[in-house]
Amino acid sequence: MPYEWSPAPSNSTTHSVCLWPHKSMTPQGFAWFIGVTAVLLCLPLLPLLGSFALWGILPFLLIALSGMWLGIKRNLRDLNLTEELTLSPERIAIKRRNARGPDQKWDANPYWVELKLHPKGKVENYITLRGSDREVELGAFLSPDERLKLHSELSKRLDAVQRPT
């Protein structure tokens, strides 16, 4: 699951969760993919060995391979983002660490925060938090099922903070 609730001490009312996007390619997978792609791109060059046509096609194959390399590397860099939500009776805060650009922060009084799940629309099971005259999204990079589960867990914890027993 690409999010994890931090274990809180038994007497603590503070909850925190860290969310991150799913990363399907490991560094070893990246190396294998680039290696296999390079071999497969070289197969059409075998009949051209020793001819001038090889030098006409080789630059384009190298450009294709380097474009794939750069595209995958950029995608992996873009996946280095996290969202940290901290919930206590006094404050709810979200800190989003972007892969590129400055960090984004939002906080509000949890008593006045409204947690919404938008089941239909452009994005299925979209989660938003409204408070401090702002509405922010949470876990937009998660799958619809993961957002549904996160909403359920967050709703229980937010209710416990808003309505202490």
Protein backbone atom coordinates (compact mmCIF):
# COMPACT_ATOMS: atom_id res chain seq x y z
CA MET A 1 0.00 0.00 0.00
CA PRO A 2 1.56 3.34 -0.94
CA TYR A 3 0.70 4.94 2.38
CA GLU A 4 1.43 4.11 5.97
CA TRP A 5 0.05 5.33 9.28
CA SER A 6 2.78 6.00 11.80
CA PRO A 7 2.36 4.08 15.02
CA ALA A 8 1.38 6.46 17.79
CA PRO A 9 2.00 5.85 21.48
CA SER A 10 -1.04 4.31 23.17
CA ASN A 11 -1.79 7.48 25.15
CA SER A 12 -1.30 9.83 22.18
CA THR A 13 -4.13 11.38 20.17
CA THR A 14 -1.84 12.43 17.33
CA HIS A 15 -2.07 10.47 14.09
CA SER A 16 0.11 10.82 11.02
CA VAL A 17 0.15 9.19 7.62
CA CYS A 18 2.68 9.38 4.81
CA LEU A 19 1.51 8.86 1.21
CA TRP A 20 3.63 8.24 -1.86
CA PRO A 21 2.94 7.23 -5.47
CA HIS A 22 3.33 3.61 -6.54
CA LYS A 23 6.71 2.92 -8.12
CA SER A 24 6.51 -0.09 -10.40
CA MET A 25 10.07 0.03 -11.72
CA THR A 26 13.01 -0.77 -9.48
CA PRO A 27 16.55 0.36 -10.37
CA GLN A 28 17.33 -3.22 -11.42
CA GLY A 29 14.20 -3.25 -13.59
CA PHE A 30 15.31 0.00 -15.20
CA ALA A 31 18.73 -1.46 -16.03
CA TRP A 32 17.14 -4.59 -17.50
CA PHE A 33 14.65 -2.59 -19.56
CA ILE A 34 17.30 -0.30 -21.05
CA GLY A 35 19.63 -3.27 -21.72
CA VAL A 36 16.97 -5.37 -23.44
CA THR A 37 15.76 -2.36 -25.44
CA ALA A 38 19.34 -1.61 -26.59
CA VAL A 39 19.80 -5.23 -27.72
CA LEU A 40 16.47 -5.25 -29.56
CA LEU A 41 17.29 -1.94 -31.26
CA CYS A 42 20.61 -3.38 -32.43
CA LEU A 43 19.06 -6.49 -34.03
CA PRO A 44 18.01 -4.66 -37.22
CA LEU A 45 21.58 -3.36 -37.53
CA LEU A 46 23.15 -6.84 -37.89
CA PRO A 47 22.50 -7.15 -41.65
CA LEU A 48 23.88 -3.64 -42.12
CA LEU A 49 27.28 -4.33 -40.53
CA GLY A 50 30.04 -3.19 -42.85
CA SER A 51 27.85 -0.87 -44.93
CA PHE A 52 27.36 2.90 -44.98
CA ALA A 53 23.64 2.45 -44.21
CA LEU A 54 24.62 1.43 -40.67
CA TRP A 55 25.93 4.95 -40.01
CA GLY A 56 22.70 6.46 -41.36
CA ILE A 57 20.45 4.44 -39.04
CA LEU A 58 22.65 4.22 -35.92
CA PRO A 59 22.19 7.86 -34.80
CA PHE A 60 18.39 7.51 -34.86
CA LEU A 61 18.50 4.33 -32.80
CA LEU A 62 20.80 6.04 -30.28
CA ILE A 63 18.44 9.04 -30.12
CA ALA A 64 15.48 6.69 -29.50
CA LEU A 65 17.35 4.85 -26.73
CA SER A 66 18.53 8.04 -25.03
CA GLY A 67 15.02 9.53 -25.29
CA MET A 68 13.63 6.46 -23.55
CA TRP A 69 16.37 6.68 -20.91
CA LEU A 70 15.68 10.35 -20.20
CA GLY A 71 11.90 9.86 -20.19
CA ILE A 72 12.01 7.03 -17.67
CA LYS A 73 14.54 8.87 -15.48
CA ARG A 74 12.31 11.97 -15.42
CA ASN A 75 9.28 9.84 -14.56
CA LEU A 76 11.18 8.25 -11.67
CA ARG A 77 12.21 11.72 -10.44
CA ASP A 78 8.59 12.90 -10.64
CA LEU A 79 7.53 9.99 -8.44
CA ASN A 80 9.73 11.28 -5.60
CA LEU A 81 6.86 13.17 -4.03
CA THR A 82 5.22 12.55 -0.69
CA GLU A 83 2.27 13.87 1.26
CA GLU A 84 2.38 13.85 5.05
CA LEU A 85 -0.83 14.36 7.00
CA THR A 86 -0.66 15.00 10.74
CA LEU A 87 -3.85 14.97 12.80
CA SER A 88 -4.12 16.06 16.42
CA PRO A 89 -6.98 17.58 18.44
CA GLU A 90 -5.47 21.06 17.93
CA ARG A 91 -4.45 20.93 14.28
CA ILE A 92 -4.60 19.01 11.02
CA ALA A 93 -1.76 19.67 8.60
CA ILE A 94 -0.70 18.43 5.19
CA LYS A 95 2.81 18.89 3.86
CA ARG A 96 3.36 17.94 0.23
CA ARG A 97 6.98 17.52 -0.85
CA ASN A 98 7.02 17.99 -4.60
CA ALA A 99 9.62 16.35 -6.80
CA ARG A 100 10.21 19.69 -8.52
CA GLY A 101 9.24 23.00 -7.02
CA PRO A 102 8.65 24.22 -3.51
CA ASP A 103 6.90 22.28 -0.75
CA GLN A 104 3.21 23.01 -0.21
CA LYS A 105 1.62 23.28 3.24
CA TRP A 106 -1.93 23.47 4.54
CA ASP A 107 -3.28 23.40 8.06
CA ALA A 108 -6.57 23.98 9.82
CA ASN A 109 -8.48 23.37 13.01
CA PRO A 110 -9.67 19.74 12.77
CA TYR A 111 -12.99 20.59 14.40
CA TRP A 112 -13.96 22.65 11.34
CA VAL A 113 -12.44 20.42 8.68
CA GLU A 114 -14.77 18.66 6.29
CA LEU A 115 -13.55 15.44 4.66
CA LYS A 116 -15.20 14.73 1.31
CA LEU A 117 -15.14 11.74 -0.99
CA HIS A 118 -16.17 12.46 -4.57
CA PRO A 119 -17.14 9.01 -5.92
CA LYS A 120 -17.97 10.20 -9.45
CA GLY A 121 -16.35 12.72 -11.73
CA LYS A 122 -13.13 12.97 -13.70
CA VAL A 123 -11.26 11.15 -10.93
CA GLU A 124 -12.96 8.25 -9.13
CA ASN A 125 -13.03 8.38 -5.30
CA TYR A 126 -11.32 11.78 -5.15
CA ILE A 127 -10.56 12.92 -1.57
CA THR A 128 -10.61 16.56 -0.48
CA LEU A 129 -10.29 18.32 2.85
CA ARG A 130 -11.98 21.69 3.35
CA GLY A 131 -10.90 24.05 6.08
CA SER A 132 -9.33 27.47 6.62
CA ASP A 133 -11.22 28.78 3.55
CA ARG A 134 -9.36 26.32 1.29
CA GLU A 135 -10.06 22.94 -0.21
CA VAL A 136 -7.08 20.68 -0.77
CA GLU A 137 -6.76 17.29 -2.42
CA LEU A 138 -5.23 14.32 -0.69
CA GLY A 139 -3.64 11.28 -2.33
CA ALA A 140 -4.53 12.19 -5.92
CA PHE A 141 -1.82 9.78 -7.12
CA LEU A 142 -3.37 6.79 -5.29
CA SER A 143 -5.62 4.27 -7.02
CA PRO A 144 -9.41 4.60 -6.52
CA ASP A 145 -9.48 1.61 -4.13
CA GLU A 146 -6.58 3.00 -2.10
CA ARG A 147 -8.28 6.41 -1.87
CA LEU A 148 -11.50 4.73 -0.70
CA LYS A 149 -9.63 2.85 2.04
CA LEU A 150 -7.70 6.00 3.04
CA HIS A 151 -10.96 7.96 3.23
CA SER A 152 -12.48 5.33 5.51
CA GLU A 153 -9.46 5.28 7.85
CA LEU A 154 -9.08 9.06 7.88
CA SER A 155 -12.79 9.55 8.49
CA LYS A 156 -12.65 7.35 11.62
CA ARG A 157 -9.61 9.15 12.97
CA LEU A 158 -11.02 12.59 12.19
CA ASP A 159 -14.31 11.69 13.91
CA ALA A 160 -12.36 10.53 16.98
CA VAL A 161 -10.53 13.86 17.12
CA GLN A 162 -13.65 15.96 16.46
CA ARG A 163 -15.84 14.06 18.92
CA PRO A 164 -13.71 12.93 21.83
CA THR A 165 -15.34 10.47 24.20
